[in-house]
Amino acid sequence: MTKRIITTARVLPDGKPFKLIGRYGWALKNLVAAGKRGCTPIDHPGPRWSAYVHRLRKDYGIVIETINEAHDGPYYGSHARYVLHTEVEIIPDAPVVQVAA
């Protein structure tokens, strides 16, 4: 059985903590780390970036801008760059403390 990865975050300055499971937390962590330069599926490969961004916007009210960018090469076209505009804090996991019996 695979352990679920849970990310705890909160909107600053005074938002209540909320939990994200799996790739939703992964996406938010990447957006926070990227800052004003944002993330693209090319730089941060993930299977469903648009779905992660949609969920973060809809369910948590997080403001994320989508910028369409052209790219060249044999598979030219465009891709999205996602830029986080809501100030978010990722809350580190509490350390596991073992108590002697």
PDB file of N, CA and C in Angstrom:
ATOM      1  N   MET A   1       0.836  -1.172   0.000  1.00  0.00           N
ATOM      2  CA  MET A   1       0.000   0.000   0.000  1.00  0.00           C
ATOM      3  C   MET A   1       0.887   1.243   0.000  1.00  0.00           C
ATOM      4  N   THR A   2       0.552   2.211  -0.810  1.00  0.00           N
ATOM      5  CA  THR A   2       1.320   3.439  -0.917  1.00  0.00           C
ATOM      6  C   THR A   2       0.843   4.450   0.118  1.00  0.00           C
ATOM      7  N   LYS A   3       1.807   5.072   0.779  1.00  0.00           N
ATOM      8  CA  LYS A   3       1.478   6.100   1.766  1.00  0.00           C
ATOM      9  C   LYS A   3       1.078   7.379   1.037  1.00  0.00           C
ATOM     10  N   ARG A   4      -0.004   8.007   1.454  1.00  0.00           N
ATOM     11  CA  ARG A   4      -0.451   9.266   0.862  1.00  0.00           C
ATOM     12  C   ARG A   4       0.444  10.399   1.338  1.00  0.00           C
ATOM     13  N   ILE A   5       0.813  11.255   0.415  1.00  0.00           N
ATOM     14  CA  ILE A   5       1.619  12.417   0.760  1.00  0.00           C
ATOM     15  C   ILE A   5       0.663  13.571   1.045  1.00  0.00           C
ATOM     16  N   ILE A   6       0.771  14.132   2.230  1.00  0.00           N
ATOM     17  CA  ILE A   6      -0.118  15.215   2.644  1.00  0.00           C
ATOM     18  C   ILE A   6       0.712  16.467   2.894  1.00  0.00           C
ATOM     19  N   THR A   7       0.277  17.572   2.309  1.00  0.00           N
ATOM     20  CA  THR A   7       0.927  18.869   2.479  1.00  0.00           C
ATOM     21  C   THR A   7      -0.032  19.775   3.241  1.00  0.00           C
ATOM     22  N   THR A   8       0.480  20.435   4.271  1.00  0.00           N
ATOM     23  CA  THR A   8      -0.319  21.396   5.021  1.00  0.00           C
ATOM     24  C   THR A   8       0.156  22.794   4.655  1.00  0.00           C
ATOM     25  N   ALA A   9      -0.814  23.672   4.386  1.00  0.00           N
ATOM     26  CA  ALA A   9      -0.494  25.042   3.982  1.00  0.00           C
ATOM     27  C   ALA A   9      -1.524  25.985   4.577  1.00  0.00           C
ATOM     28  N   ARG A  10      -1.250  27.279   4.469  1.00  0.00           N
ATOM     29  CA  ARG A  10      -2.228  28.282   4.865  1.00  0.00           C
ATOM     30  C   ARG A  10      -1.986  29.545   4.060  1.00  0.00           C
ATOM     31  N   VAL A  11      -3.063  30.287   3.831  1.00  0.00           N
ATOM     32  CA  VAL A  11      -2.973  31.567   3.142  1.00  0.00           C
ATOM     33  C   VAL A  11      -2.575  32.609   4.176  1.00  0.00           C
ATOM     34  N   LEU A  12      -1.566  33.407   3.856  1.00  0.00           N
ATOM     35  CA  LEU A  12      -1.110  34.449   4.770  1.00  0.00           C
ATOM     36  C   LEU A  12      -1.923  35.722   4.573  1.00  0.00           C
ATOM     37  N   PRO A  13      -2.110  36.552   5.571  1.00  0.00           N
ATOM     38  CA  PRO A  13      -1.413  36.514   6.841  1.00  0.00           C
ATOM     39  C   PRO A  13      -2.091  35.683   7.924  1.00  0.00           C
ATOM     40  N   ASP A  14      -3.388  35.409   7.811  1.00  0.00           N
ATOM     41  CA  ASP A  14      -4.073  34.781   8.942  1.00  0.00           C
ATOM     42  C   ASP A  14      -5.026  33.661   8.553  1.00  0.00           C
ATOM     43  N   GLY A  15      -4.752  32.989   7.449  1.00  0.00           N
ATOM     44  CA  GLY A  15      -5.623  31.892   7.023  1.00  0.00           C
ATOM     45  C   GLY A  15      -5.463  30.662   7.894  1.00  0.00           C
ATOM     46  N   LYS A  16      -6.508  29.861   7.933  1.00  0.00           N
ATOM     47  CA  LYS A  16      -6.464  28.609   8.689  1.00  0.00           C
ATOM     48  C   LYS A  16      -5.733  27.552   7.866  1.00  0.00           C
ATOM     49  N   PRO A  17      -4.999  26.665   8.533  1.00  0.00           N
ATOM     50  CA  PRO A  17      -4.306  25.605   7.802  1.00  0.00           C
ATOM     51  C   PRO A  17      -5.291  24.696   7.063  1.00  0.00           C
ATOM     52  N   PHE A  18      -4.858  24.229   5.899  1.00  0.00           N
ATOM     53  CA  PHE A  18      -5.629  23.256   5.129  1.00  0.00           C
ATOM     54  C   PHE A  18      -4.667  22.205   4.604  1.00  0.00           C
ATOM     55  N   LYS A  19      -5.197  21.038   4.307  1.00  0.00           N
ATOM     56  CA  LYS A  19      -4.373  19.918   3.853  1.00  0.00           C
ATOM     57  C   LYS A  19      -4.655  19.612   2.393  1.00  0.00           C
ATOM     58  N   LEU A  20      -3.589  19.318   1.665  1.00  0.00           N
ATOM     59  CA  LEU A  20      -3.677  18.916   0.266  1.00  0.00           C
ATOM     60  C   LEU A  20      -3.066  17.530   0.141  1.00  0.00           C
ATOM     61  N   ILE A  21      -3.699  16.684  -0.625  1.00  0.00           N
ATOM     62  CA  ILE A  21      -3.229  15.310  -0.787  1.00  0.00           C
ATOM     63  C   ILE A  21      -2.541  15.151  -2.135  1.00  0.00           C
ATOM     64  N   GLY A  22      -1.400  14.494  -2.130  1.00  0.00           N
ATOM     65  CA  GLY A  22      -0.710  14.104  -3.354  1.00  0.00           C
ATOM     66  C   GLY A  22      -0.213  15.263  -4.201  1.00  0.00           C
ATOM     67  N   ARG A  23      -0.536  15.186  -5.505  1.00  0.00           N
ATOM     68  CA  ARG A  23      -0.031  16.150  -6.480  1.00  0.00           C
ATOM     69  C   ARG A  23      -0.551  17.567  -6.270  1.00  0.00           C
ATOM     70  N   TYR A  24      -1.667  17.738  -5.580  1.00  0.00           N
ATOM     71  CA  TYR A  24      -2.161  19.091  -5.315  1.00  0.00           C
ATOM     72  C   TYR A  24      -1.178  19.821  -4.401  1.00  0.00           C
ATOM     73  N   GLY A  25      -0.692  19.140  -3.396  1.00  0.00           N
ATOM     74  CA  GLY A  25       0.335  19.713  -2.528  1.00  0.00           C
ATOM     75  C   GLY A  25       1.651  19.910  -3.262  1.00  0.00           C
ATOM     76  N   TRP A  26       2.001  18.937  -4.101  1.00  0.00           N
ATOM     77  CA  TRP A  26       3.217  19.031  -4.915  1.00  0.00           C
ATOM     78  C   TRP A  26       3.175  20.286  -5.780  1.00  0.00           C
ATOM     79  N   ALA A  27       2.032  20.522  -6.434  1.00  0.00           N
ATOM     80  CA  ALA A  27       1.887  21.686  -7.309  1.00  0.00           C
ATOM     81  C   ALA A  27       2.002  22.981  -6.508  1.00  0.00           C
ATOM     82  N   LEU A  28       1.340  23.053  -5.360  1.00  0.00           N
ATOM     83  CA  LEU A  28       1.402  24.274  -4.553  1.00  0.00           C
ATOM     84  C   LEU A  28       2.825  24.530  -4.066  1.00  0.00           C
ATOM     85  N   LYS A  29       3.532  23.495  -3.639  1.00  0.00           N
ATOM     86  CA  LYS A  29       4.924  23.659  -3.209  1.00  0.00           C
ATOM     87  C   LYS A  29       5.784  24.207  -4.348  1.00  0.00           C
ATOM     88  N   ASN A  30       5.585  23.687  -5.562  1.00  0.00           N
ATOM     89  CA  ASN A  30       6.344  24.175  -6.716  1.00  0.00           C
ATOM     90  C   ASN A  30       6.019  25.627  -7.027  1.00  0.00           C
ATOM     91  N   LEU A  31       4.745  25.998  -6.937  1.00  0.00           N
ATOM     92  CA  LEU A  31       4.349  27.385  -7.195  1.00  0.00           C
ATOM     93  C   LEU A  31       4.956  28.333  -6.164  1.00  0.00           C
ATOM     94  N   VAL A  32       4.942  27.940  -4.903  1.00  0.00           N
ATOM     95  CA  VAL A  32       5.530  28.766  -3.841  1.00  0.00           C
ATOM     96  C   VAL A  32       7.035  28.923  -4.085  1.00  0.00           C
ATOM     97  N   ALA A  33       7.714  27.825  -4.390  1.00  0.00           N
ATOM     98  CA  ALA A  33       9.162  27.860  -4.611  1.00  0.00           C
ATOM     99  C   ALA A  33       9.535  28.683  -5.846  1.00  0.00           C
ATOM    100  N   ALA A  34       8.705  28.652  -6.875  1.00  0.00           N
ATOM    101  CA  ALA A  34       9.005  29.363  -8.125  1.00  0.00           C
ATOM    102  C   ALA A  34       8.845  30.866  -7.994  1.00  0.00           C
ATOM    103  N   GLY A  35       8.010  31.307  -7.079  1.00  0.00           N
ATOM    104  CA  GLY A  35       7.812  32.744  -6.894  1.00  0.00           C
ATOM    105  C   GLY A  35       7.245  33.412  -8.134  1.00  0.00           C
ATOM    106  N   LYS A  36       7.757  34.612  -8.436  1.00  0.00           N
ATOM    107  CA  LYS A  36       7.213  35.425  -9.525  1.00  0.00           C
ATOM    108  C   LYS A  36       7.502  34.859 -10.911  1.00  0.00           C
ATOM    109  N   ARG A  37       8.474  33.969 -11.039  1.00  0.00           N
ATOM    110  CA  ARG A  37       8.766  33.413 -12.365  1.00  0.00           C
ATOM    111  C   ARG A  37       7.753  32.340 -12.757  1.00  0.00           C
ATOM    112  N   GLY A  38       7.069  31.754 -11.774  1.00  0.00           N
ATOM    113  CA  GLY A  38       6.023  30.782 -12.059  1.00  0.00           C
ATOM    114  C   GLY A  38       6.552  29.424 -12.494  1.00  0.00           C
ATOM    115  N   CYS A  39       5.624  28.534 -12.789  1.00  0.00           N
ATOM    116  CA  CYS A  39       5.930  27.158 -13.188  1.00  0.00           C
ATOM    117  C   CYS A  39       5.303  26.853 -14.535  1.00  0.00           C
ATOM    118  N   THR A  40       5.984  26.014 -15.298  1.00  0.00           N
ATOM    119  CA  THR A  40       5.397  25.487 -16.525  1.00  0.00           C
ATOM    120  C   THR A  40       5.471  23.968 -16.467  1.00  0.00           C
ATOM    121  N   PRO A  41       4.595  23.283 -17.186  1.00  0.00           N
ATOM    122  CA  PRO A  41       4.684  21.825 -17.252  1.00  0.00           C
ATOM    123  C   PRO A  41       5.987  21.352 -17.901  1.00  0.00           C
ATOM    124  N   ILE A  42       6.651  22.236 -18.640  1.00  0.00           N
ATOM    125  CA  ILE A  42       7.932  21.879 -19.256  1.00  0.00           C
ATOM    126  C   ILE A  42       9.032  21.872 -18.201  1.00  0.00           C
ATOM    127  N   ASP A  43       9.050  22.884 -17.332  1.00  0.00           N
ATOM    128  CA  ASP A  43      10.079  22.991 -16.287  1.00  0.00           C
ATOM    129  C   ASP A  43       9.808  22.085 -15.088  1.00  0.00           C
ATOM    130  N   HIS A  44       8.552  21.846 -14.800  1.00  0.00           N
ATOM    131  CA  HIS A  44       8.137  21.032 -13.656  1.00  0.00           C
ATOM    132  C   HIS A  44       7.151  19.977 -14.168  1.00  0.00           C
ATOM    133  N   PRO A  45       7.650  18.917 -14.793  1.00  0.00           N
ATOM    134  CA  PRO A  45       6.731  17.939 -15.399  1.00  0.00           C
ATOM    135  C   PRO A  45       5.769  17.331 -14.378  1.00  0.00           C
ATOM    136  N   GLY A  46       4.519  17.378 -14.726  1.00  0.00           N
ATOM    137  CA  GLY A  46       3.448  16.795 -13.927  1.00  0.00           C
ATOM    138  C   GLY A  46       2.331  16.430 -14.878  1.00  0.00           C
ATOM    139  N   PRO A  47       1.638  15.354 -14.623  1.00  0.00           N
ATOM    140  CA  PRO A  47       0.658  14.884 -15.603  1.00  0.00           C
ATOM    141  C   PRO A  47      -0.552  15.784 -15.815  1.00  0.00           C
ATOM    142  N   ARG A  48      -0.964  16.565 -14.808  1.00  0.00           N
ATOM    143  CA  ARG A  48      -2.222  17.315 -14.948  1.00  0.00           C
ATOM    144  C   ARG A  48      -2.153  18.684 -14.290  1.00  0.00           C
ATOM    145  N   TRP A  49      -1.187  19.496 -14.682  1.00  0.00           N
ATOM    146  CA  TRP A  49      -1.028  20.819 -14.087  1.00  0.00           C
ATOM    147  C   TRP A  49      -2.316  21.619 -14.105  1.00  0.00           C
ATOM    148  N   SER A  50      -3.021  21.614 -15.226  1.00  0.00           N
ATOM    149  CA  SER A  50      -4.240  22.433 -15.320  1.00  0.00           C
ATOM    150  C   SER A  50      -5.274  21.999 -14.286  1.00  0.00           C
ATOM    151  N   ALA A  51      -5.357  20.710 -14.013  1.00  0.00           N
ATOM    152  CA  ALA A  51      -6.303  20.212 -13.005  1.00  0.00           C
ATOM    153  C   ALA A  51      -5.880  20.637 -11.600  1.00  0.00           C
ATOM    154  N   TYR A  52      -4.578  20.581 -11.319  1.00  0.00           N
ATOM    155  CA  TYR A  52      -4.098  20.989  -9.993  1.00  0.00           C
ATOM    156  C   TYR A  52      -4.397  22.467  -9.756  1.00  0.00           C
ATOM    157  N   VAL A  53      -4.118  23.291 -10.765  1.00  0.00           N
ATOM    158  CA  VAL A  53      -4.352  24.733 -10.654  1.00  0.00           C
ATOM    159  C   VAL A  53      -5.843  25.017 -10.494  1.00  0.00           C
ATOM    160  N   HIS A  54      -6.658  24.337 -11.276  1.00  0.00           N
ATOM    161  CA  HIS A  54      -8.114  24.530 -11.178  1.00  0.00           C
ATOM    162  C   HIS A  54      -8.607  24.237  -9.757  1.00  0.00           C
ATOM    163  N   ARG A  55      -8.159  23.134  -9.183  1.00  0.00           N
ATOM    164  CA  ARG A  55      -8.585  22.736  -7.842  1.00  0.00           C
ATOM    165  C   ARG A  55      -8.121  23.725  -6.788  1.00  0.00           C
ATOM    166  N   LEU A  56      -6.870  24.200  -6.915  1.00  0.00           N
ATOM    167  CA  LEU A  56      -6.349  25.174  -5.951  1.00  0.00           C
ATOM    168  C   LEU A  56      -7.136  26.477  -6.008  1.00  0.00           C
ATOM    169  N   ARG A  57      -7.517  26.869  -7.213  1.00  0.00           N
ATOM    170  CA  ARG A  57      -8.325  28.086  -7.367  1.00  0.00           C
ATOM    171  C   ARG A  57      -9.721  27.891  -6.801  1.00  0.00           C
ATOM    172  N   LYS A  58     -10.383  26.842  -7.241  1.00  0.00           N
ATOM    173  CA  LYS A  58     -11.804  26.624  -6.921  1.00  0.00           C
ATOM    174  C   LYS A  58     -12.031  26.259  -5.454  1.00  0.00           C
ATOM    175  N   ASP A  59     -11.275  25.300  -4.961  1.00  0.00           N
ATOM    176  CA  ASP A  59     -11.522  24.783  -3.611  1.00  0.00           C
ATOM    177  C   ASP A  59     -10.882  25.613  -2.497  1.00  0.00           C
ATOM    178  N   TYR A  60      -9.783  26.317  -2.819  1.00  0.00           N
ATOM    179  CA  TYR A  60      -9.051  27.020  -1.764  1.00  0.00           C
ATOM    180  C   TYR A  60      -8.965  28.527  -1.992  1.00  0.00           C
ATOM    181  N   GLY A  61      -9.504  29.023  -3.098  1.00  0.00           N
ATOM    182  CA  GLY A  61      -9.506  30.458  -3.369  1.00  0.00           C
ATOM    183  C   GLY A  61      -8.140  31.050  -3.645  1.00  0.00           C
ATOM    184  N   ILE A  62      -7.199  30.221  -4.049  1.00  0.00           N
ATOM    185  CA  ILE A  62      -5.838  30.680  -4.307  1.00  0.00           C
ATOM    186  C   ILE A  62      -5.789  31.323  -5.697  1.00  0.00           C
ATOM    187  N   VAL A  63      -5.191  32.510  -5.766  1.00  0.00           N
ATOM    188  CA  VAL A  63      -5.112  33.239  -7.037  1.00  0.00           C
ATOM    189  C   VAL A  63      -3.854  32.798  -7.781  1.00  0.00           C
ATOM    190  N   ILE A  64      -4.069  32.190  -8.952  1.00  0.00           N
ATOM    191  CA  ILE A  64      -2.979  31.716  -9.802  1.00  0.00           C
ATOM    192  C   ILE A  64      -3.242  32.235 -11.207  1.00  0.00           C
ATOM    193  N   GLU A  65      -2.293  32.991 -11.735  1.00  0.00           N
ATOM    194  CA  GLU A  65      -2.412  33.536 -13.089  1.00  0.00           C
ATOM    195  C   GLU A  65      -1.927  32.504 -14.102  1.00  0.00           C
ATOM    196  N   THR A  66      -2.621  32.401 -15.222  1.00  0.00           N
ATOM    197  CA  THR A  66      -2.188  31.556 -16.333  1.00  0.00           C
ATOM    198  C   THR A  66      -1.707  32.464 -17.454  1.00  0.00           C
ATOM    199  N   ILE A  67      -0.451  32.288 -17.851  1.00  0.00           N
ATOM    200  CA  ILE A  67       0.134  33.042 -18.958  1.00  0.00           C
ATOM    201  C   ILE A  67       0.417  32.046 -20.076  1.00  0.00           C
ATOM    202  N   ASN A  68      -0.131  32.288 -21.262  1.00  0.00           N
ATOM    203  CA  ASN A  68       0.146  31.416 -22.406  1.00  0.00           C
ATOM    204  C   ASN A  68       1.430  31.873 -23.076  1.00  0.00           C
ATOM    205  N   GLU A  69       2.357  30.930 -23.266  1.00  0.00           N
ATOM    206  CA  GLU A  69       3.652  31.228 -23.873  1.00  0.00           C
ATOM    207  C   GLU A  69       3.865  30.347 -25.094  1.00  0.00           C
ATOM    208  N   ALA A  70       4.394  30.946 -26.142  1.00  0.00           N
ATOM    209  CA  ALA A  70       4.728  30.182 -27.345  1.00  0.00           C
ATOM    210  C   ALA A  70       6.074  29.490 -27.141  1.00  0.00           C
ATOM    211  N   HIS A  71       6.246  28.343 -27.764  1.00  0.00           N
ATOM    212  CA  HIS A  71       7.546  27.680 -27.771  1.00  0.00           C
ATOM    213  C   HIS A  71       7.822  27.128 -29.167  1.00  0.00           C
ATOM    214  N   ASP A  72       9.113  27.079 -29.500  1.00  0.00           N
ATOM    215  CA  ASP A  72       9.560  26.607 -30.809  1.00  0.00           C
ATOM    216  C   ASP A  72       9.937  25.136 -30.735  1.00  0.00           C
ATOM    217  N   GLY A  73      10.553  24.667 -31.788  1.00  0.00           N
ATOM    218  CA  GLY A  73      11.030  23.299 -31.834  1.00  0.00           C
ATOM    219  C   GLY A  73      10.167  22.451 -32.738  1.00  0.00           C
ATOM    220  N   PRO A  74      10.478  21.164 -32.811  1.00  0.00           N
ATOM    221  CA  PRO A  74       9.732  20.281 -33.709  1.00  0.00           C
ATOM    222  C   PRO A  74       8.255  20.155 -33.323  1.00  0.00           C
ATOM    223  N   TYR A  75       7.933  20.379 -32.073  1.00  0.00           N
ATOM    224  CA  TYR A  75       6.539  20.312 -31.598  1.00  0.00           C
ATOM    225  C   TYR A  75       6.126  21.692 -31.091  1.00  0.00           C
ATOM    226  N   TYR A  76       6.297  22.695 -31.968  1.00  0.00           N
ATOM    227  CA  TYR A  76       6.008  24.076 -31.588  1.00  0.00           C
ATOM    228  C   TYR A  76       4.534  24.248 -31.234  1.00  0.00           C
ATOM    229  N   GLY A  77       4.281  25.246 -30.471  1.00  0.00           N
ATOM    230  CA  GLY A  77       2.913  25.532 -30.037  1.00  0.00           C
ATOM    231  C   GLY A  77       2.945  26.476 -28.861  1.00  0.00           C
ATOM    232  N   SER A  78       2.144  26.206 -27.864  1.00  0.00           N
ATOM    233  CA  SER A  78       2.132  27.053 -26.672  1.00  0.00           C
ATOM    234  C   SER A  78       1.949  26.189 -25.431  1.00  0.00           C
ATOM    235  N   HIS A  79       2.336  26.751 -24.323  1.00  0.00           N
ATOM    236  CA  HIS A  79       2.161  26.086 -23.033  1.00  0.00           C
ATOM    237  C   HIS A  79       1.769  27.148 -22.010  1.00  0.00           C
ATOM    238  N   ALA A  80       1.320  26.703 -20.872  1.00  0.00           N
ATOM    239  CA  ALA A  80       0.904  27.619 -19.809  1.00  0.00           C
ATOM    240  C   ALA A  80       2.038  27.820 -18.815  1.00  0.00           C
ATOM    241  N   ARG A  81       2.130  29.038 -18.306  1.00  0.00           N
ATOM    242  CA  ARG A  81       2.986  29.342 -17.161  1.00  0.00           C
ATOM    243  C   ARG A  81       2.039  29.761 -16.049  1.00  0.00           C
ATOM    244  N   TYR A  82       2.151  29.118 -14.899  1.00  0.00           N
ATOM    245  CA  TYR A  82       1.281  29.401 -13.770  1.00  0.00           C
ATOM    246  C   TYR A  82       2.059  30.204 -12.735  1.00  0.00           C
ATOM    247  N   VAL A  83       1.501  31.358 -12.353  1.00  0.00           N
ATOM    248  CA  VAL A  83       2.164  32.246 -11.397  1.00  0.00           C
ATOM    249  C   VAL A  83       1.244  32.443 -10.195  1.00  0.00           C
ATOM    250  N   LEU A  84       1.766  32.118  -9.027  1.00  0.00           N
ATOM    251  CA  LEU A  84       1.021  32.245  -7.776  1.00  0.00           C
ATOM    252  C   LEU A  84       0.984  33.710  -7.341  1.00  0.00           C
ATOM    253  N   HIS A  85      -0.216  34.233  -7.084  1.00  0.00           N
ATOM    254  CA  HIS A  85      -0.360  35.615  -6.623  1.00  0.00           C
ATOM    255  C   HIS A  85      -0.869  35.696  -5.183  1.00  0.00           C
ATOM    256  N   THR A  86      -1.285  34.592  -4.609  1.00  0.00           N
ATOM    257  CA  THR A  86      -1.709  34.551  -3.212  1.00  0.00           C
ATOM    258  C   THR A  86      -0.496  34.182  -2.373  1.00  0.00           C
ATOM    259  N   GLU A  87      -0.293  34.888  -1.270  1.00  0.00           N
ATOM    260  CA  GLU A  87       0.821  34.552  -0.391  1.00  0.00           C
ATOM    261  C   GLU A  87       0.432  33.330   0.445  1.00  0.00           C
ATOM    262  N   VAL A  88       1.202  32.266   0.279  1.00  0.00           N
ATOM    263  CA  VAL A  88       0.900  30.986   0.920  1.00  0.00           C
ATOM    264  C   VAL A  88       2.125  30.521   1.697  1.00  0.00           C
ATOM    265  N   GLU A  89       1.879  29.949   2.863  1.00  0.00           N
ATOM    266  CA  GLU A  89       2.939  29.341   3.663  1.00  0.00           C
ATOM    267  C   GLU A  89       2.743  27.835   3.654  1.00  0.00           C
ATOM    268  N   ILE A  90       3.811  27.107   3.359  1.00  0.00           N
ATOM    269  CA  ILE A  90       3.795  25.651   3.487  1.00  0.00           C
ATOM    270  C   ILE A  90       4.229  25.350   4.917  1.00  0.00           C
ATOM    271  N   ILE A  91       3.398  24.644   5.644  1.00  0.00           N
ATOM    272  CA  ILE A  91       3.678  24.334   7.050  1.00  0.00           C
ATOM    273  C   ILE A  91       4.428  23.008   7.108  1.00  0.00           C
ATOM    274  N   PRO A  92       5.650  23.023   7.663  1.00  0.00           N
ATOM    275  CA  PRO A  92       6.428  21.783   7.718  1.00  0.00           C
ATOM    276  C   PRO A  92       5.746  20.731   8.590  1.00  0.00           C
ATOM    277  N   ASP A  93       6.005  19.476   8.254  1.00  0.00           N
ATOM    278  CA  ASP A  93       5.480  18.376   9.062  1.00  0.00           C
ATOM    279  C   ASP A  93       6.107  18.435  10.449  1.00  0.00           C
ATOM    280  N   ALA A  94       5.319  18.101  11.451  1.00  0.00           N
ATOM    281  CA  ALA A  94       5.839  18.033  12.814  1.00  0.00           C
ATOM    282  C   ALA A  94       6.770  16.824  12.914  1.00  0.00           C
ATOM    283  N   PRO A  95       7.896  16.985  13.602  1.00  0.00           N
ATOM    284  CA  PRO A  95       8.800  15.841  13.745  1.00  0.00           C
ATOM    285  C   PRO A  95       8.141  14.731  14.565  1.00  0.00           C
ATOM    286  N   VAL A  96       8.484  13.512  14.232  1.00  0.00           N
ATOM    287  CA  VAL A  96       7.954  12.355  14.959  1.00  0.00           C
ATOM    288  C   VAL A  96       8.800  12.165  16.212  1.00  0.00           C
ATOM    289  N   VAL A  97       8.147  12.148  17.364  1.00  0.00           N
ATOM    290  CA  VAL A  97       8.844  11.986  18.639  1.00  0.00           C
ATOM    291  C   VAL A  97       8.467  10.633  19.217  1.00  0.00           C
ATOM    292  N   GLN A  98       9.487   9.859  19.555  1.00  0.00           N
ATOM    293  CA  GLN A  98       9.222   8.560  20.171  1.00  0.00           C
ATOM    294  C   GLN A  98       9.293   8.715  21.685  1.00  0.00           C
ATOM    295  N   VAL A  99       8.310   8.147  22.346  1.00  0.00           N
ATOM    296  CA  VAL A  99       8.251   8.214  23.801  1.00  0.00           C
ATOM    297  C   VAL A  99       8.678   6.861  24.356  1.00  0.00           C
ATOM    298  N   ALA A 100       9.590   6.893  25.317  1.00  0.00           N
ATOM    299  CA  ALA A 100      10.046   5.649  25.933  1.00  0.00           C
ATOM    300  C   ALA A 100       8.919   5.040  26.748  1.00  0.00           C
ATOM    301  N   ALA A 101       8.824   3.732  26.681  1.00  0.00           N
ATOM    302  CA  ALA A 101       7.751   3.046  27.406  1.00  0.00           C
ATOM    303  C   ALA A 101       8.112   2.798  28.839  1.00  0.00           C
TER     304      ALA A 101
END
